[in-house]
Amino acid sequence: MGGRNFWQLVGRSGAQWSQFPITNQSTDQMFRGQFIHSIDTKGRVSLPARFRDVVLKNGDARLVITPAPFDPCLHVYPMVEWEEFEQKIAELSRMDEHVVRFRRIYVSAAIECEVDKAGRLLVPNDLRDKATLAKDVLWAGMGKTMELWSKPRWDEALKISESDQQAFKNAIMELIRI
């Protein structure tokens, strides 16, 4: 982004915090930050301590991993968040071709796994292959969920051309109303 920071990119508009809705979700239950870890030859990767704290707060070490439908990464959900998501999907039409395809791509590929006593997660081979996870991986906190990326793919995904910067700026300003 040419060395500019976020506020230089989107501009300051005097937005008031009251413009942003407050949810019942406690902020200490959110996943935030980026953490680089190594994945071993067996496919085990450490869950960052900050993320582990959030997962274990609910007393449930189970996670659900599924390939992102539009990015070369994996989405990782705490079980409670996955169950809420599944309920929303279950309410959609079984006759809508887009919903059916989404279920086949995203929901059916989901794997339940558990954080082991060492704080690691075993990523199955097929999911590692889909996200090209090898050696250095990056955990990205995404609020209620996490993403697991190949570090080189993450770096590539964050690049933005100068011509796309204005469209990005306008879209973000519109979405968060600043």
C-alpha atoms as a PDB file:
ATOM      1  CA  MET A   1       0.000   0.000   0.000  1.00  0.00           C
ATOM      2  CA  GLY A   2       2.888   2.261  -0.717  1.00  0.00           C
ATOM      3  CA  GLY A   3       3.922   2.762   2.910  1.00  0.00           C
ATOM      4  CA  ARG A   4       0.697   4.504   3.844  1.00  0.00           C
ATOM      5  CA  ASN A   5      -1.090   3.484   7.010  1.00  0.00           C
ATOM      6  CA  PHE A   6      -4.742   2.492   7.218  1.00  0.00           C
ATOM      7  CA  TRP A   7      -6.006   5.950   8.243  1.00  0.00           C
ATOM      8  CA  GLN A   8      -4.081   7.604   5.418  1.00  0.00           C
ATOM      9  CA  LEU A   9      -5.631   5.094   3.027  1.00  0.00           C
ATOM     10  CA  VAL A  10      -9.243   5.441   4.155  1.00  0.00           C
ATOM     11  CA  GLY A  11      -8.976   9.008   5.480  1.00  0.00           C
ATOM     12  CA  ARG A  12     -10.297  10.371   8.754  1.00  0.00           C
ATOM     13  CA  SER A  13     -13.906  11.377   8.666  1.00  0.00           C
ATOM     14  CA  GLY A  14     -14.655  12.156  12.275  1.00  0.00           C
ATOM     15  CA  ALA A  15     -16.613   8.913  12.705  1.00  0.00           C
ATOM     16  CA  GLN A  16     -18.012   8.456  16.165  1.00  0.00           C
ATOM     17  CA  TRP A  17     -17.632   5.119  17.944  1.00  0.00           C
ATOM     18  CA  SER A  18     -21.406   5.152  18.431  1.00  0.00           C
ATOM     19  CA  GLN A  19     -21.699   4.462  14.682  1.00  0.00           C
ATOM     20  CA  PHE A  20     -20.309   0.974  15.238  1.00  0.00           C
ATOM     21  CA  PRO A  21     -22.787  -1.515  16.742  1.00  0.00           C
ATOM     22  CA  ILE A  22     -21.889  -3.052  20.066  1.00  0.00           C
ATOM     23  CA  THR A  23     -22.507  -6.780  20.162  1.00  0.00           C
ATOM     24  CA  ASN A  24     -22.965  -9.101  23.092  1.00  0.00           C
ATOM     25  CA  GLN A  25     -19.772 -10.910  22.077  1.00  0.00           C
ATOM     26  CA  SER A  26     -17.107 -10.100  24.642  1.00  0.00           C
ATOM     27  CA  THR A  27     -13.944  -8.789  23.017  1.00  0.00           C
ATOM     28  CA  ASP A  28     -11.839 -11.235  25.030  1.00  0.00           C
ATOM     29  CA  GLN A  29     -13.619 -14.005  23.087  1.00  0.00           C
ATOM     30  CA  MET A  30     -12.314 -12.729  19.753  1.00  0.00           C
ATOM     31  CA  PHE A  31      -9.381 -13.948  17.702  1.00  0.00           C
ATOM     32  CA  ARG A  32      -7.057 -11.152  16.654  1.00  0.00           C
ATOM     33  CA  GLY A  33      -3.474 -10.896  15.530  1.00  0.00           C
ATOM     34  CA  GLN A  34      -1.117 -12.719  13.198  1.00  0.00           C
ATOM     35  CA  PHE A  35       1.231 -15.458  14.322  1.00  0.00           C
ATOM     36  CA  ILE A  36       3.832 -17.356  12.317  1.00  0.00           C
ATOM     37  CA  HIS A  37       4.410 -20.992  13.281  1.00  0.00           C
ATOM     38  CA  SER A  38       5.965 -24.044  11.701  1.00  0.00           C
ATOM     39  CA  ILE A  39       3.986 -27.078  10.654  1.00  0.00           C
ATOM     40  CA  ASP A  40       5.778 -30.394  11.178  1.00  0.00           C
ATOM     41  CA  THR A  41       5.985 -33.311   8.744  1.00  0.00           C
ATOM     42  CA  LYS A  42       3.032 -35.012  10.460  1.00  0.00           C
ATOM     43  CA  GLY A  43       0.873 -31.922   9.894  1.00  0.00           C
ATOM     44  CA  ARG A  44       0.838 -30.672  13.477  1.00  0.00           C
ATOM     45  CA  VAL A  45       0.905 -26.933  14.096  1.00  0.00           C
ATOM     46  CA  SER A  46       0.789 -25.056  17.379  1.00  0.00           C
ATOM     47  CA  LEU A  47      -2.281 -22.975  18.012  1.00  0.00           C
ATOM     48  CA  PRO A  48      -1.039 -19.545  19.146  1.00  0.00           C
ATOM     49  CA  ALA A  49      -1.317 -19.165  22.931  1.00  0.00           C
ATOM     50  CA  ARG A  50      -3.693 -16.193  22.599  1.00  0.00           C
ATOM     51  CA  PHE A  51      -5.983 -18.206  20.344  1.00  0.00           C
ATOM     52  CA  ARG A  52      -5.736 -21.245  22.622  1.00  0.00           C
ATOM     53  CA  ASP A  53      -6.852 -19.119  25.569  1.00  0.00           C
ATOM     54  CA  VAL A  54      -9.979 -18.054  23.666  1.00  0.00           C
ATOM     55  CA  VAL A  55     -10.763 -21.625  22.542  1.00  0.00           C
ATOM     56  CA  LEU A  56     -10.297 -23.121  25.993  1.00  0.00           C
ATOM     57  CA  LYS A  57     -12.333 -20.391  27.734  1.00  0.00           C
ATOM     58  CA  ASN A  58     -15.451 -22.178  26.553  1.00  0.00           C
ATOM     59  CA  GLY A  59     -14.142 -25.459  27.987  1.00  0.00           C
ATOM     60  CA  ASP A  60     -14.221 -27.099  24.554  1.00  0.00           C
ATOM     61  CA  ALA A  61     -10.928 -27.828  22.776  1.00  0.00           C
ATOM     62  CA  ARG A  62     -12.681 -28.966  19.593  1.00  0.00           C
ATOM     63  CA  LEU A  63     -12.195 -26.998  16.397  1.00  0.00           C
ATOM     64  CA  VAL A  64     -13.570 -27.372  12.881  1.00  0.00           C
ATOM     65  CA  ILE A  65     -11.254 -26.856   9.894  1.00  0.00           C
ATOM     66  CA  THR A  66     -12.515 -26.418   6.344  1.00  0.00           C
ATOM     67  CA  PRO A  67     -10.969 -25.087   3.135  1.00  0.00           C
ATOM     68  CA  ALA A  68     -11.881 -21.479   2.363  1.00  0.00           C
ATOM     69  CA  PRO A  69     -14.047 -21.442  -0.757  1.00  0.00           C
ATOM     70  CA  PHE A  70     -12.496 -18.304  -2.279  1.00  0.00           C
ATOM     71  CA  ASP A  71      -8.964 -18.084  -0.835  1.00  0.00           C
ATOM     72  CA  PRO A  72      -6.037 -20.514  -0.656  1.00  0.00           C
ATOM     73  CA  CYS A  73      -6.293 -20.988   3.110  1.00  0.00           C
ATOM     74  CA  LEU A  74      -8.192 -22.891   5.779  1.00  0.00           C
ATOM     75  CA  HIS A  75     -10.956 -21.529   7.970  1.00  0.00           C
ATOM     76  CA  VAL A  76     -10.808 -22.644  11.596  1.00  0.00           C
ATOM     77  CA  TYR A  77     -13.852 -22.377  13.851  1.00  0.00           C
ATOM     78  CA  PRO A  78     -14.329 -23.079  17.546  1.00  0.00           C
ATOM     79  CA  MET A  79     -17.038 -25.752  17.768  1.00  0.00           C
ATOM     80  CA  VAL A  80     -19.656 -23.352  19.153  1.00  0.00           C
ATOM     81  CA  GLU A  81     -19.148 -20.926  16.239  1.00  0.00           C
ATOM     82  CA  TRP A  82     -19.273 -23.772  13.696  1.00  0.00           C
ATOM     83  CA  GLU A  83     -22.541 -25.056  15.148  1.00  0.00           C
ATOM     84  CA  GLU A  84     -24.085 -21.580  14.868  1.00  0.00           C
ATOM     85  CA  PHE A  85     -22.867 -21.355  11.270  1.00  0.00           C
ATOM     86  CA  GLU A  86     -24.221 -24.828  10.432  1.00  0.00           C
ATOM     87  CA  GLN A  87     -27.608 -23.830  11.817  1.00  0.00           C
ATOM     88  CA  LYS A  88     -27.726 -20.827   9.474  1.00  0.00           C
ATOM     89  CA  ILE A  89     -26.810 -23.037   6.511  1.00  0.00           C
ATOM     90  CA  ALA A  90     -29.425 -25.634   7.509  1.00  0.00           C
ATOM     91  CA  GLU A  91     -32.125 -22.962   7.235  1.00  0.00           C
ATOM     92  CA  LEU A  92     -31.294 -22.283   3.561  1.00  0.00           C
ATOM     93  CA  SER A  93     -33.138 -23.938   0.696  1.00  0.00           C
ATOM     94  CA  ARG A  94     -32.020 -27.448  -0.221  1.00  0.00           C
ATOM     95  CA  MET A  95     -33.204 -26.759  -3.761  1.00  0.00           C
ATOM     96  CA  ASP A  96     -31.068 -23.693  -4.431  1.00  0.00           C
ATOM     97  CA  GLU A  97     -28.149 -24.805  -6.623  1.00  0.00           C
ATOM     98  CA  HIS A  98     -25.755 -22.269  -5.066  1.00  0.00           C
ATOM     99  CA  VAL A  99     -26.578 -23.408  -1.544  1.00  0.00           C
ATOM    100  CA  VAL A 100     -26.153 -27.060  -2.533  1.00  0.00           C
ATOM    101  CA  ARG A 101     -22.795 -26.321  -4.150  1.00  0.00           C
ATOM    102  CA  PHE A 102     -21.660 -24.306  -1.116  1.00  0.00           C
ATOM    103  CA  ARG A 103     -22.589 -27.184   1.204  1.00  0.00           C
ATOM    104  CA  ARG A 104     -20.621 -29.600  -0.981  1.00  0.00           C
ATOM    105  CA  ILE A 105     -17.531 -27.375  -1.137  1.00  0.00           C
ATOM    106  CA  TYR A 106     -17.463 -25.956   2.374  1.00  0.00           C
ATOM    107  CA  VAL A 107     -19.605 -27.882   4.829  1.00  0.00           C
ATOM    108  CA  SER A 108     -18.891 -31.412   3.607  1.00  0.00           C
ATOM    109  CA  ALA A 109     -15.137 -30.752   3.637  1.00  0.00           C
ATOM    110  CA  ALA A 110     -15.173 -29.696   7.293  1.00  0.00           C
ATOM    111  CA  ILE A 111     -13.129 -31.810   9.702  1.00  0.00           C
ATOM    112  CA  GLU A 112     -13.542 -31.798  13.474  1.00  0.00           C
ATOM    113  CA  CYS A 113     -10.289 -31.896  15.400  1.00  0.00           C
ATOM    114  CA  GLU A 114      -9.083 -31.259  18.905  1.00  0.00           C
ATOM    115  CA  VAL A 115      -6.263 -29.205  20.361  1.00  0.00           C
ATOM    116  CA  ASP A 116      -3.866 -31.694  21.980  1.00  0.00           C
ATOM    117  CA  LYS A 117      -2.231 -31.333  25.401  1.00  0.00           C
ATOM    118  CA  ALA A 118       0.770 -29.635  23.766  1.00  0.00           C
ATOM    119  CA  GLY A 119      -1.521 -26.998  22.212  1.00  0.00           C
ATOM    120  CA  ARG A 120      -1.206 -28.388  18.690  1.00  0.00           C
ATOM    121  CA  LEU A 121      -3.701 -29.073  15.961  1.00  0.00           C
ATOM    122  CA  LEU A 122      -3.347 -31.918  13.466  1.00  0.00           C
ATOM    123  CA  VAL A 123      -4.202 -30.666   9.973  1.00  0.00           C
ATOM    124  CA  PRO A 124      -5.210 -33.582   7.711  1.00  0.00           C
ATOM    125  CA  ASN A 125      -3.137 -34.163   4.548  1.00  0.00           C
ATOM    126  CA  ASP A 126      -5.883 -33.240   2.080  1.00  0.00           C
ATOM    127  CA  LEU A 127      -6.504 -29.911   3.802  1.00  0.00           C
ATOM    128  CA  ARG A 128      -2.764 -29.187   3.987  1.00  0.00           C
ATOM    129  CA  ASP A 129      -2.541 -29.848   0.263  1.00  0.00           C
ATOM    130  CA  LYS A 130      -5.504 -27.583  -0.556  1.00  0.00           C
ATOM    131  CA  ALA A 131      -3.941 -24.680   1.351  1.00  0.00           C
ATOM    132  CA  THR A 132      -0.352 -25.590   0.317  1.00  0.00           C
ATOM    133  CA  LEU A 133       0.738 -25.629   3.956  1.00  0.00           C
ATOM    134  CA  ALA A 134       4.414 -26.472   4.326  1.00  0.00           C
ATOM    135  CA  LYS A 135       7.001 -25.275   6.829  1.00  0.00           C
ATOM    136  CA  ASP A 136       6.006 -21.666   7.678  1.00  0.00           C
ATOM    137  CA  VAL A 137       2.313 -21.027   8.239  1.00  0.00           C
ATOM    138  CA  LEU A 138       0.477 -17.969   9.440  1.00  0.00           C
ATOM    139  CA  TRP A 139      -2.477 -17.893  11.814  1.00  0.00           C
ATOM    140  CA  ALA A 140      -4.719 -14.860  11.258  1.00  0.00           C
ATOM    141  CA  GLY A 141      -7.328 -13.858  13.806  1.00  0.00           C
ATOM    142  CA  MET A 142     -10.563 -12.982  12.056  1.00  0.00           C
ATOM    143  CA  GLY A 143     -12.825 -12.089  14.985  1.00  0.00           C
ATOM    144  CA  LYS A 144     -14.959 -15.132  15.780  1.00  0.00           C
ATOM    145  CA  THR A 145     -12.865 -17.435  13.590  1.00  0.00           C
ATOM    146  CA  MET A 146      -9.278 -17.964  12.452  1.00  0.00           C
ATOM    147  CA  GLU A 147      -7.554 -18.514   9.131  1.00  0.00           C
ATOM    148  CA  LEU A 148      -4.527 -20.724   8.558  1.00  0.00           C
ATOM    149  CA  TRP A 149      -2.344 -19.720   5.593  1.00  0.00           C
ATOM    150  CA  SER A 150       0.868 -20.701   3.922  1.00  0.00           C
ATOM    151  CA  LYS A 151       3.093 -17.721   4.799  1.00  0.00           C
ATOM    152  CA  PRO A 152       4.065 -17.031   1.142  1.00  0.00           C
ATOM    153  CA  ARG A 153       0.406 -17.194   0.063  1.00  0.00           C
ATOM    154  CA  TRP A 154      -0.577 -14.793   2.865  1.00  0.00           C
ATOM    155  CA  ASP A 155       2.041 -12.286   1.708  1.00  0.00           C
ATOM    156  CA  GLU A 156       0.717 -12.538  -1.850  1.00  0.00           C
ATOM    157  CA  ALA A 157      -2.920 -12.131  -0.740  1.00  0.00           C
ATOM    158  CA  LEU A 158      -2.148  -8.851   1.036  1.00  0.00           C
ATOM    159  CA  LYS A 159      -0.660  -7.160  -2.005  1.00  0.00           C
ATOM    160  CA  ILE A 160      -2.835  -4.475  -3.550  1.00  0.00           C
ATOM    161  CA  SER A 161      -2.153  -2.577  -6.737  1.00  0.00           C
ATOM    162  CA  GLU A 162      -2.241   1.197  -6.807  1.00  0.00           C
ATOM    163  CA  SER A 163      -5.243   1.052  -9.135  1.00  0.00           C
ATOM    164  CA  ASP A 164      -7.184  -1.116  -6.633  1.00  0.00           C
ATOM    165  CA  GLN A 165      -6.345   1.073  -3.630  1.00  0.00           C
ATOM    166  CA  GLN A 166      -9.099   3.615  -4.317  1.00  0.00           C
ATOM    167  CA  ALA A 167     -11.770   0.947  -4.796  1.00  0.00           C
ATOM    168  CA  PHE A 168     -10.621  -0.728  -1.580  1.00  0.00           C
ATOM    169  CA  LYS A 169     -10.685   2.588   0.282  1.00  0.00           C
ATOM    170  CA  ASN A 170     -14.219   3.385  -0.936  1.00  0.00           C
ATOM    171  CA  ALA A 171     -15.540  -0.088  -0.122  1.00  0.00           C
ATOM    172  CA  ILE A 172     -14.118  -0.030   3.415  1.00  0.00           C
ATOM    173  CA  MET A 173     -15.380   3.496   4.073  1.00  0.00           C
ATOM    174  CA  GLU A 174     -18.854   2.442   2.954  1.00  0.00           C
ATOM    175  CA  LEU A 175     -18.892  -0.804   4.952  1.00  0.00           C
ATOM    176  CA  ILE A 176     -17.778   0.692   8.252  1.00  0.00           C
ATOM    177  CA  ARG A 177     -19.348   4.091   7.569  1.00  0.00           C
ATOM    178  CA  ILE A 178     -16.366   6.321   8.119  1.00  0.00           C
END
